[in-house]
N, C-alpha and C. Protein backbone atom coordinates (compact mmCIF):
# COMPACT_ATOMS: atom_id res chain seq x y z
N MET A 1 -13.95 5.69 82.96
CA MET A 1 -13.16 6.79 83.49
C MET A 1 -13.88 7.32 84.73
N THR A 2 -13.14 7.48 85.80
CA THR A 2 -13.65 8.05 87.04
C THR A 2 -13.18 9.48 87.16
N GLU A 3 -14.05 10.36 87.62
CA GLU A 3 -13.68 11.75 87.85
C GLU A 3 -13.99 12.11 89.29
N THR A 4 -13.08 12.84 89.92
CA THR A 4 -13.29 13.26 91.30
C THR A 4 -12.67 14.64 91.51
N THR A 5 -13.17 15.34 92.50
CA THR A 5 -12.60 16.63 92.89
C THR A 5 -12.29 16.56 94.37
N LEU A 6 -11.04 16.85 94.71
CA LEU A 6 -10.58 16.80 96.09
C LEU A 6 -10.33 18.22 96.60
N SER A 7 -10.70 18.45 97.84
CA SER A 7 -10.42 19.72 98.49
C SER A 7 -9.00 19.68 99.06
N VAL A 8 -8.20 20.72 98.76
CA VAL A 8 -6.85 20.82 99.30
C VAL A 8 -6.68 22.27 99.78
N PRO A 9 -7.07 22.53 101.04
CA PRO A 9 -7.11 23.90 101.56
C PRO A 9 -5.78 24.67 101.52
N GLU A 10 -4.67 23.96 101.47
CA GLU A 10 -3.36 24.63 101.50
C GLU A 10 -2.91 25.17 100.15
N ILE A 11 -3.66 24.93 99.09
CA ILE A 11 -3.31 25.48 97.77
C ILE A 11 -3.50 26.99 97.81
N HIS A 12 -2.44 27.73 97.41
CA HIS A 12 -2.57 29.19 97.44
C HIS A 12 -1.79 29.91 96.35
N CYS A 13 -1.09 29.18 95.47
CA CYS A 13 -0.29 29.89 94.47
C CYS A 13 -0.02 29.01 93.25
N GLY A 14 0.62 29.61 92.28
CA GLY A 14 0.96 28.90 91.05
C GLY A 14 1.93 27.75 91.27
N HIS A 15 2.83 27.89 92.24
CA HIS A 15 3.77 26.80 92.54
C HIS A 15 3.01 25.58 93.05
N CYS A 16 2.02 25.81 93.93
CA CYS A 16 1.18 24.72 94.42
C CYS A 16 0.52 24.01 93.24
N LYS A 17 -0.07 24.78 92.36
CA LYS A 17 -0.75 24.25 91.18
C LYS A 17 0.19 23.39 90.36
N MET A 18 1.36 23.92 90.05
CA MET A 18 2.32 23.21 89.21
C MET A 18 2.79 21.91 89.87
N SER A 19 3.16 21.96 91.14
CA SER A 19 3.71 20.76 91.77
C SER A 19 2.66 19.66 91.91
N ILE A 20 1.43 20.03 92.25
CA ILE A 20 0.38 19.02 92.39
C ILE A 20 0.00 18.44 91.03
N GLU A 21 -0.19 19.29 90.02
CA GLU A 21 -0.55 18.79 88.69
C GLU A 21 0.52 17.86 88.14
N GLU A 22 1.79 18.19 88.34
CA GLU A 22 2.87 17.33 87.85
C GLU A 22 2.88 15.99 88.58
N ALA A 23 2.73 16.02 89.90
CA ALA A 23 2.79 14.78 90.69
C ALA A 23 1.61 13.86 90.38
N VAL A 24 0.42 14.41 90.35
CA VAL A 24 -0.77 13.60 90.09
C VAL A 24 -0.79 13.16 88.63
N GLY A 25 -0.44 14.06 87.73
CA GLY A 25 -0.43 13.74 86.30
C GLY A 25 0.56 12.65 85.93
N ALA A 26 1.58 12.44 86.75
CA ALA A 26 2.59 11.42 86.47
C ALA A 26 2.14 10.01 86.87
N LEU A 27 1.04 9.90 87.60
CA LEU A 27 0.57 8.59 88.03
C LEU A 27 0.00 7.81 86.84
N ASP A 28 0.30 6.52 86.79
CA ASP A 28 -0.27 5.65 85.76
C ASP A 28 -1.78 5.64 85.90
N GLY A 29 -2.47 5.84 84.81
CA GLY A 29 -3.92 5.81 84.80
C GLY A 29 -4.58 7.17 84.90
N VAL A 30 -3.82 8.22 85.21
CA VAL A 30 -4.40 9.56 85.31
C VAL A 30 -4.44 10.18 83.93
N ALA A 31 -5.66 10.53 83.49
CA ALA A 31 -5.85 11.16 82.18
C ALA A 31 -5.67 12.67 82.27
N SER A 32 -6.12 13.27 83.40
CA SER A 32 -5.96 14.71 83.57
C SER A 32 -6.00 15.07 85.04
N ALA A 33 -5.29 16.14 85.37
CA ALA A 33 -5.28 16.68 86.73
C ALA A 33 -5.29 18.19 86.61
N GLU A 34 -6.29 18.83 87.19
CA GLU A 34 -6.45 20.28 87.08
C GLU A 34 -6.64 20.87 88.48
N VAL A 35 -5.74 21.78 88.84
CA VAL A 35 -5.82 22.46 90.13
C VAL A 35 -6.48 23.82 89.96
N SER A 36 -7.42 24.12 90.84
CA SER A 36 -8.01 25.46 90.90
C SER A 36 -7.47 26.14 92.15
N VAL A 37 -6.62 27.14 91.95
CA VAL A 37 -6.06 27.88 93.08
C VAL A 37 -7.18 28.63 93.81
N GLU A 38 -8.10 29.20 93.05
CA GLU A 38 -9.18 29.99 93.64
C GLU A 38 -10.10 29.13 94.52
N GLN A 39 -10.44 27.94 94.05
CA GLN A 39 -11.34 27.06 94.80
C GLN A 39 -10.61 26.12 95.74
N ARG A 40 -9.28 26.06 95.58
CA ARG A 40 -8.43 25.17 96.38
C ARG A 40 -8.88 23.72 96.24
N THR A 41 -9.00 23.31 94.97
CA THR A 41 -9.41 21.95 94.64
C THR A 41 -8.51 21.34 93.58
N VAL A 42 -8.53 20.01 93.53
CA VAL A 42 -7.84 19.26 92.49
C VAL A 42 -8.87 18.35 91.83
N SER A 43 -9.09 18.53 90.54
CA SER A 43 -10.02 17.70 89.77
C SER A 43 -9.20 16.71 88.95
N VAL A 44 -9.56 15.43 89.07
CA VAL A 44 -8.76 14.38 88.43
C VAL A 44 -9.69 13.43 87.68
N ALA A 45 -9.29 13.06 86.46
CA ALA A 45 -9.94 12.01 85.68
C ALA A 45 -8.95 10.86 85.59
N PHE A 46 -9.40 9.64 85.97
CA PHE A 46 -8.45 8.53 86.02
C PHE A 46 -9.13 7.19 85.81
N ASP A 47 -8.31 6.22 85.44
CA ASP A 47 -8.68 4.81 85.35
C ASP A 47 -7.65 4.03 86.15
N THR A 48 -7.89 2.74 86.32
CA THR A 48 -6.90 1.90 86.99
C THR A 48 -5.62 1.90 86.17
N PRO A 49 -4.46 1.83 86.77
CA PRO A 49 -4.19 1.46 88.14
C PRO A 49 -4.26 2.62 89.15
N ALA A 50 -4.56 3.83 88.72
CA ALA A 50 -4.67 4.95 89.65
C ALA A 50 -5.90 4.73 90.56
N SER A 51 -5.81 5.28 91.76
CA SER A 51 -6.92 5.19 92.72
C SER A 51 -6.96 6.48 93.53
N ILE A 52 -8.04 6.67 94.25
CA ILE A 52 -8.13 7.84 95.12
C ILE A 52 -6.95 7.85 96.08
N ASP A 53 -6.63 6.69 96.64
CA ASP A 53 -5.52 6.61 97.60
C ASP A 53 -4.19 7.01 96.97
N SER A 54 -3.94 6.58 95.74
CA SER A 54 -2.67 6.93 95.10
C SER A 54 -2.63 8.41 94.75
N ILE A 55 -3.77 8.98 94.39
CA ILE A 55 -3.85 10.41 94.07
C ILE A 55 -3.62 11.24 95.33
N VAL A 56 -4.31 10.87 96.41
CA VAL A 56 -4.12 11.57 97.69
C VAL A 56 -2.67 11.44 98.13
N GLY A 57 -2.09 10.26 97.99
CA GLY A 57 -0.69 10.05 98.35
C GLY A 57 0.26 10.95 97.58
N ALA A 58 0.00 11.11 96.28
CA ALA A 58 0.86 11.97 95.45
C ALA A 58 0.76 13.43 95.90
N ILE A 59 -0.45 13.86 96.26
CA ILE A 59 -0.63 15.24 96.74
C ILE A 59 0.07 15.42 98.08
N GLU A 60 -0.11 14.46 98.98
CA GLU A 60 0.52 14.55 100.30
C GLU A 60 2.04 14.48 100.20
N ASP A 61 2.57 13.72 99.24
CA ASP A 61 4.02 13.66 99.03
C ASP A 61 4.59 15.02 98.64
N GLN A 62 3.76 15.89 98.09
CA GLN A 62 4.19 17.24 97.73
C GLN A 62 4.09 18.20 98.92
N GLY A 63 3.58 17.72 100.06
CA GLY A 63 3.53 18.53 101.27
C GLY A 63 2.19 19.17 101.57
N TYR A 64 1.13 18.72 100.88
CA TYR A 64 -0.20 19.29 101.08
C TYR A 64 -1.10 18.28 101.76
N GLU A 65 -1.90 18.73 102.72
CA GLU A 65 -2.83 17.86 103.40
C GLU A 65 -4.13 17.77 102.61
N VAL A 66 -4.66 16.56 102.51
CA VAL A 66 -5.95 16.34 101.87
C VAL A 66 -6.90 15.85 102.96
N PRO A 67 -7.81 16.74 103.43
CA PRO A 67 -8.74 16.31 104.48
C PRO A 67 -9.64 15.17 103.99
N ALA A 68 -10.19 14.42 104.93
CA ALA A 68 -11.13 13.35 104.56
C ALA A 68 -12.24 13.94 103.71
N GLN A 69 -12.55 13.29 102.62
CA GLN A 69 -13.53 13.79 101.67
C GLN A 69 -14.92 13.32 102.02
């Protein structure tokens, strides 16, 4: 299991949290996705077939920018 935390500066409310957690959590291989509104981060635990690229893609598909980590 791989765990990572991504910075997503545009997170600012409960709606952001809900939409990102749902999108990332729906990816095959993602065991958990937790958004911290206060820290503006997304913590994800995943195995293949999920990847950092697919996780970032899911976040960006929701309209949030993920700066280079």
